[in-house]
């Protein structure tokens, strides 16, 4: 005689596996590591500092008329 199987349990297990597979695919597609995010943030900060260091104020180079 065979064992009684609970189809709800199998259905839930299959649904969990499909969700995990979809989540793993999204992590590969969209996810970035903490090191990558930190590197990008440091690069953005360095670029901003570089631009700010070379900024010209409106008063620079202009003579006042007073």
PDB file of N, CA and C in Angstrom:
ATOM      1  N   UNK A   1       0.845  -1.177   0.000  1.00  0.00           N
ATOM      2  CA  UNK A   1       0.000   0.000   0.000  1.00  0.00           C
ATOM      3  C   UNK A   1       0.894   1.245   0.000  1.00  0.00           C
ATOM      4  N   UNK A   2       0.461   2.310  -0.655  1.00  0.00           N
ATOM      5  CA  UNK A   2       1.272   3.524  -0.762  1.00  0.00           C
ATOM      6  C   UNK A   2       0.935   4.513   0.350  1.00  0.00           C
ATOM      7  N   UNK A   3       1.817   5.474   0.508  1.00  0.00           N
ATOM      8  CA  UNK A   3       1.609   6.506   1.528  1.00  0.00           C
ATOM      9  C   UNK A   3       0.653   7.574   1.032  1.00  0.00           C
ATOM     10  N   UNK A   4      -0.051   8.192   1.925  1.00  0.00           N
ATOM     11  CA  UNK A   4      -0.953   9.284   1.595  1.00  0.00           C
ATOM     12  C   UNK A   4      -0.102  10.540   1.442  1.00  0.00           C
ATOM     13  N   UNK A   5      -0.316  11.269   0.342  1.00  0.00           N
ATOM     14  CA  UNK A   5       0.462  12.488   0.102  1.00  0.00           C
ATOM     15  C   UNK A   5      -0.443  13.692   0.227  1.00  0.00           C
ATOM     16  N   UNK A   6       0.115  14.736   0.754  1.00  0.00           N
ATOM     17  CA  UNK A   6      -0.618  15.979   0.912  1.00  0.00           C
ATOM     18  C   UNK A   6      -0.262  16.875  -0.272  1.00  0.00           C
ATOM     19  N   UNK A   7      -1.187  17.056  -1.195  1.00  0.00           N
ATOM     20  CA  UNK A   7      -0.918  17.836  -2.400  1.00  0.00           C
ATOM     21  C   UNK A   7      -0.703  19.306  -2.087  1.00  0.00           C
ATOM     22  N   UNK A   8      -1.329  19.813  -1.025  1.00  0.00           N
ATOM     23  CA  UNK A   8      -1.124  21.210  -0.652  1.00  0.00           C
ATOM     24  C   UNK A   8       0.334  21.463  -0.277  1.00  0.00           C
ATOM     25  N   UNK A   9       0.925  20.529   0.416  1.00  0.00           N
ATOM     26  CA  UNK A   9       2.329  20.675   0.806  1.00  0.00           C
ATOM     27  C   UNK A   9       3.233  20.718  -0.422  1.00  0.00           C
ATOM     28  N   UNK A  10       2.991  19.839  -1.370  1.00  0.00           N
ATOM     29  CA  UNK A  10       3.792  19.841  -2.586  1.00  0.00           C
ATOM     30  C   UNK A  10       3.600  21.130  -3.386  1.00  0.00           C
ATOM     31  N   UNK A  11       2.367  21.598  -3.442  1.00  0.00           N
ATOM     32  CA  UNK A  11       2.069  22.824  -4.188  1.00  0.00           C
ATOM     33  C   UNK A  11       2.777  24.021  -3.542  1.00  0.00           C
ATOM     34  N   UNK A  12       2.751  24.114  -2.219  1.00  0.00           N
ATOM     35  CA  UNK A  12       3.417  25.211  -1.516  1.00  0.00           C
ATOM     36  C   UNK A  12       4.931  25.134  -1.681  1.00  0.00           C
ATOM     37  N   UNK A  13       5.491  23.943  -1.614  1.00  0.00           N
ATOM     38  CA  UNK A  13       6.932  23.769  -1.790  1.00  0.00           C
ATOM     39  C   UNK A  13       7.351  24.200  -3.189  1.00  0.00           C
ATOM     40  N   UNK A  14       6.568  23.825  -4.176  1.00  0.00           N
ATOM     41  CA  UNK A  14       6.872  24.211  -5.558  1.00  0.00           C
ATOM     42  C   UNK A  14       6.778  25.727  -5.724  1.00  0.00           C
ATOM     43  N   UNK A  15       5.774  26.353  -5.126  1.00  0.00           N
ATOM     44  CA  UNK A  15       5.618  27.807  -5.225  1.00  0.00           C
ATOM     45  C   UNK A  15       6.792  28.520  -4.555  1.00  0.00           C
ATOM     46  N   UNK A  16       7.253  28.022  -3.397  1.00  0.00           N
ATOM     47  CA  UNK A  16       8.410  28.628  -2.724  1.00  0.00           C
ATOM     48  C   UNK A  16       9.659  28.523  -3.588  1.00  0.00           C
ATOM     49  N   UNK A  17       9.842  27.373  -4.217  1.00  0.00           N
ATOM     50  CA  UNK A  17      11.017  27.175  -5.068  1.00  0.00           C
ATOM     51  C   UNK A  17      10.981  28.117  -6.267  1.00  0.00           C
ATOM     52  N   UNK A  18       9.813  28.315  -6.846  1.00  0.00           N
ATOM     53  CA  UNK A  18       9.689  29.232  -7.989  1.00  0.00           C
ATOM     54  C   UNK A  18       9.952  30.673  -7.568  1.00  0.00           C
ATOM     55  N   UNK A  19       9.444  31.068  -6.406  1.00  0.00           N
ATOM     56  CA  UNK A  19       9.694  32.425  -5.918  1.00  0.00           C
ATOM     57  C   UNK A  19      11.175  32.640  -5.634  1.00  0.00           C
ATOM     58  N   UNK A  20      11.829  31.638  -5.047  1.00  0.00           N
ATOM     59  CA  UNK A  20      13.259  31.750  -4.750  1.00  0.00           C
ATOM     60  C   UNK A  20      14.072  31.849  -6.042  1.00  0.00           C
ATOM     61  N   UNK A  21      13.684  31.092  -7.059  1.00  0.00           N
ATOM     62  CA  UNK A  21      14.382  31.155  -8.344  1.00  0.00           C
ATOM     63  C   UNK A  21      14.215  32.534  -8.982  1.00  0.00           C
ATOM     64  N   UNK A  22      13.012  33.091  -8.900  1.00  0.00           N
ATOM     65  CA  UNK A  22      12.769  34.421  -9.451  1.00  0.00           C
ATOM     66  C   UNK A  22      13.557  35.476  -8.671  1.00  0.00           C
ATOM     67  N   UNK A  23      13.612  35.336  -7.350  1.00  0.00           N
ATOM     68  CA  UNK A  23      14.356  36.288  -6.524  1.00  0.00           C
ATOM     69  C   UNK A  23      15.852  36.213  -6.819  1.00  0.00           C
ATOM     70  N   UNK A  24      16.375  35.012  -6.992  1.00  0.00           N
ATOM     71  CA  UNK A  24      17.790  34.860  -7.329  1.00  0.00           C
ATOM     72  C   UNK A  24      18.101  35.475  -8.685  1.00  0.00           C
ATOM     73  N   UNK A  25      17.200  35.297  -9.641  1.00  0.00           N
ATOM     74  CA  UNK A  25      17.401  35.884 -10.971  1.00  0.00           C
ATOM     75  C   UNK A  25      17.396  37.407 -10.885  1.00  0.00           C
ATOM     76  N   UNK A  26      16.505  37.975 -10.077  1.00  0.00           N
ATOM     77  CA  UNK A  26      16.461  39.426  -9.916  1.00  0.00           C
ATOM     78  C   UNK A  26      17.696  39.936  -9.204  1.00  0.00           C
ATOM     79  N   UNK A  27      18.202  39.179  -8.249  1.00  0.00           N
ATOM     80  CA  UNK A  27      19.403  39.596  -7.535  1.00  0.00           C
ATOM     81  C   UNK A  27      20.591  39.658  -8.485  1.00  0.00           C
ATOM     82  N   UNK A  28      20.679  38.713  -9.384  1.00  0.00           N
ATOM     83  CA  UNK A  28      21.760  38.724 -10.368  1.00  0.00           C
ATOM     84  C   UNK A  28      21.567  39.871 -11.354  1.00  0.00           C
ATOM     85  N   UNK A  29      20.334  40.102 -11.736  1.00  0.00           N
ATOM     86  CA  UNK A  29      20.043  41.117 -12.754  1.00  0.00           C
ATOM     87  C   UNK A  29      20.180  42.537 -12.206  1.00  0.00           C
ATOM     88  N   UNK A  30      19.687  42.793 -11.005  1.00  0.00           N
ATOM     89  CA  UNK A  30      19.619  44.156 -10.489  1.00  0.00           C
ATOM     90  C   UNK A  30      20.523  44.418  -9.290  1.00  0.00           C
ATOM     91  N   UNK A  31      20.910  43.400  -8.600  1.00  0.00           N
ATOM     92  CA  UNK A  31      21.632  43.577  -7.341  1.00  0.00           C
ATOM     93  C   UNK A  31      23.079  43.997  -7.538  1.00  0.00           C
ATOM     94  N   UNK A  32      23.575  44.751  -6.567  1.00  0.00           N
ATOM     95  CA  UNK A  32      24.979  45.141  -6.545  1.00  0.00           C
ATOM     96  C   UNK A  32      25.509  44.834  -5.156  1.00  0.00           C
ATOM     97  N   UNK A  33      26.763  44.510  -5.094  1.00  0.00           N
ATOM     98  CA  UNK A  33      27.345  44.209  -3.798  1.00  0.00           C
ATOM     99  C   UNK A  33      27.565  45.502  -3.027  1.00  0.00           C
ATOM    100  N   UNK A  34      27.799  45.354  -1.738  1.00  0.00           N
ATOM    101  CA  UNK A  34      28.046  46.512  -0.890  1.00  0.00           C
ATOM    102  C   UNK A  34      29.317  47.234  -1.342  1.00  0.00           C
ATOM    103  N   UNK A  35      30.320  46.476  -1.755  1.00  0.00           N
ATOM    104  CA  UNK A  35      31.577  47.071  -2.221  1.00  0.00           C
ATOM    105  C   UNK A  35      31.353  47.893  -3.495  1.00  0.00           C
ATOM    106  N   UNK A  36      30.516  47.398  -4.393  1.00  0.00           N
ATOM    107  CA  UNK A  36      30.219  48.143  -5.624  1.00  0.00           C
ATOM    108  C   UNK A  36      29.489  49.445  -5.308  1.00  0.00           C
ATOM    109  N   UNK A  37      28.517  49.383  -4.392  1.00  0.00           N
ATOM    110  CA  UNK A  37      27.803  50.611  -4.021  1.00  0.00           C
ATOM    111  C   UNK A  37      28.747  51.611  -3.366  1.00  0.00           C
ATOM    112  N   UNK A  38      29.633  51.143  -2.495  1.00  0.00           N
ATOM    113  CA  UNK A  38      30.587  52.034  -1.820  1.00  0.00           C
ATOM    114  C   UNK A  38      31.553  52.650  -2.829  1.00  0.00           C
ATOM    115  N   UNK A  39      32.028  51.856  -3.785  1.00  0.00           N
ATOM    116  CA  UNK A  39      32.937  52.368  -4.803  1.00  0.00           C
ATOM    117  C   UNK A  39      32.253  53.442  -5.654  1.00  0.00           C
ATOM    118  N   UNK A  40      31.019  53.187  -6.058  1.00  0.00           N
ATOM    119  CA  UNK A  40      30.286  54.170  -6.853  1.00  0.00           C
ATOM    120  C   UNK A  40      30.041  55.456  -6.070  1.00  0.00           C
ATOM    121  N   UNK A  41      29.717  55.329  -4.798  1.00  0.00           N
ATOM    122  CA  UNK A  41      29.499  56.512  -3.961  1.00  0.00           C
ATOM    123  C   UNK A  41      30.795  57.311  -3.813  1.00  0.00           C
ATOM    124  N   UNK A  42      31.917  56.623  -3.635  1.00  0.00           N
ATOM    125  CA  UNK A  42      33.207  57.303  -3.513  1.00  0.00           C
ATOM    126  C   UNK A  42      33.577  57.995  -4.829  1.00  0.00           C
ATOM    127  N   UNK A  43      33.304  57.345  -5.950  1.00  0.00           N
ATOM    128  CA  UNK A  43      33.579  57.961  -7.255  1.00  0.00           C
ATOM    129  C   UNK A  43      32.729  59.209  -7.469  1.00  0.00           C
ATOM    130  N   UNK A  44      31.457  59.134  -7.089  1.00  0.00           N
ATOM    131  CA  UNK A  44      30.572  60.298  -7.224  1.00  0.00           C
ATOM    132  C   UNK A  44      31.050  61.455  -6.347  1.00  0.00           C
ATOM    133  N   UNK A  45      31.459  61.133  -5.133  1.00  0.00           N
ATOM    134  CA  UNK A  45      31.951  62.165  -4.222  1.00  0.00           C
ATOM    135  C   UNK A  45      33.232  62.802  -4.759  1.00  0.00           C
ATOM    136  N   UNK A  46      34.131  61.991  -5.303  1.00  0.00           N
ATOM    137  CA  UNK A  46      35.378  62.516  -5.864  1.00  0.00           C
ATOM    138  C   UNK A  46      35.089  63.417  -7.061  1.00  0.00           C
ATOM    139  N   UNK A  47      34.159  63.025  -7.906  1.00  0.00           N
ATOM    140  CA  UNK A  47      33.805  63.840  -9.067  1.00  0.00           C
ATOM    141  C   UNK A  47      33.180  65.164  -8.622  1.00  0.00           C
ATOM    142  N   UNK A  48      32.326  65.119  -7.601  1.00  0.00           N
ATOM    143  CA  UNK A  48      31.701  66.346  -7.095  1.00  0.00           C
ATOM    144  C   UNK A  48      32.751  67.280  -6.510  1.00  0.00           C
ATOM    145  N   UNK A  49      33.684  66.731  -5.752  1.00  0.00           N
ATOM    146  CA  UNK A  49      34.753  67.561  -5.188  1.00  0.00           C
ATOM    147  C   UNK A  49      35.609  68.175  -6.292  1.00  0.00           C
ATOM    148  N   UNK A  50      35.891  67.413  -7.321  1.00  0.00           N
ATOM    149  CA  UNK A  50      36.700  67.914  -8.430  1.00  0.00           C
ATOM    150  C   UNK A  50      35.987  69.082  -9.124  1.00  0.00           C
ATOM    151  N   UNK A  51      34.695  68.917  -9.374  1.00  0.00           N
ATOM    152  CA  UNK A  51      33.936  69.994 -10.016  1.00  0.00           C
ATOM    153  C   UNK A  51      33.837  71.221  -9.118  1.00  0.00           C
ATOM    154  N   UNK A  52      33.597  71.007  -7.837  1.00  0.00           N
ATOM    155  CA  UNK A  52      33.488  72.130  -6.908  1.00  0.00           C
ATOM    156  C   UNK A  52      34.814  72.877  -6.775  1.00  0.00           C
ATOM    157  N   UNK A  53      35.910  72.175  -6.886  1.00  0.00           N
ATOM    158  CA  UNK A  53      37.221  72.817  -6.775  1.00  0.00           C
ATOM    159  C   UNK A  53      37.506  73.716  -7.976  1.00  0.00           C
ATOM    160  N   UNK A  54      36.890  73.422  -9.107  1.00  0.00           N
ATOM    161  CA  UNK A  54      37.132  74.204 -10.316  1.00  0.00           C
ATOM    162  C   UNK A  54      35.985  75.149 -10.652  1.00  0.00           C
ATOM    163  N   UNK A  55      35.089  75.349  -9.692  1.00  0.00           N
ATOM    164  CA  UNK A  55      33.931  76.209  -9.916  1.00  0.00           C
ATOM    165  C   UNK A  55      34.367  77.672  -9.950  1.00  0.00           C
ATOM    166  N   UNK A  56      33.788  78.405 -10.854  1.00  0.00           N
ATOM    167  CA  UNK A  56      34.033  79.840 -10.942  1.00  0.00           C
ATOM    168  C   UNK A  56      32.824  80.560 -10.362  1.00  0.00           C
ATOM    169  N   UNK A  57      33.077  81.474  -9.454  1.00  0.00           N
ATOM    170  CA  UNK A  57      31.990  82.265  -8.900  1.00  0.00           C
ATOM    171  C   UNK A  57      31.653  83.382  -9.875  1.00  0.00           C
ATOM    172  N   UNK A  58      30.452  83.947  -9.768  1.00  0.00           N
ATOM    173  CA  UNK A  58      30.051  85.026 -10.661  1.00  0.00           C
ATOM    174  C   UNK A  58      30.908  86.258 -10.456  1.00  0.00           C
ATOM    175  N   UNK A  59      31.385  86.482  -9.265  1.00  0.00           N
ATOM    176  CA  UNK A  59      32.191  87.662  -8.980  1.00  0.00           C
ATOM    177  C   UNK A  59      33.604  87.541  -9.498  1.00  0.00           C
ATOM    178  N   UNK A  60      34.079  86.346  -9.743  1.00  0.00           N
ATOM    179  CA  UNK A  60      35.447  86.161 -10.235  1.00  0.00           C
ATOM    180  C   UNK A  60      35.561  86.674 -11.668  1.00  0.00           C
ATOM    181  N   UNK A  61      36.551  87.504 -11.914  1.00  0.00           N
ATOM    182  CA  UNK A  61      36.806  87.972 -13.269  1.00  0.00           C
ATOM    183  C   UNK A  61      35.963  89.160 -13.688  1.00  0.00           C
ATOM    184  N   UNK A  62      34.988  89.525 -12.910  1.00  0.00           N
ATOM    185  CA  UNK A  62      34.163  90.668 -13.269  1.00  0.00           C
ATOM    186  C   UNK A  62      34.556  91.852 -12.395  1.00  0.00           C
ATOM    187  N   UNK A  63      34.524  93.018 -12.998  1.00  0.00           N
ATOM    188  CA  UNK A  63      34.801  94.219 -12.219  1.00  0.00           C
ATOM    189  C   UNK A  63      33.473  94.847 -11.827  1.00  0.00           C
ATOM    190  N   UNK A  64      33.445  95.362 -10.610  1.00  0.00           N
ATOM    191  CA  UNK A  64      32.214  95.998 -10.163  1.00  0.00           C
ATOM    192  C   UNK A  64      32.144  97.406 -10.731  1.00  0.00           C
ATOM    193  N   UNK A  65      30.946  97.894 -10.935  1.00  0.00           N
ATOM    194  CA  UNK A  65      30.729  99.188 -11.533  1.00  0.00           C
ATOM    195  C   UNK A  65      30.580 100.283 -10.503  1.00  0.00           C
ATOM    196  N   UNK A  66      30.801 100.026  -9.275  1.00  0.00           N
ATOM    197  CA  UNK A  66      30.617 101.051  -8.248  1.00  0.00           C
ATOM    198  C   UNK A  66      31.848 101.872  -8.027  1.00  0.00           C
TER     199      UNK A  66
END
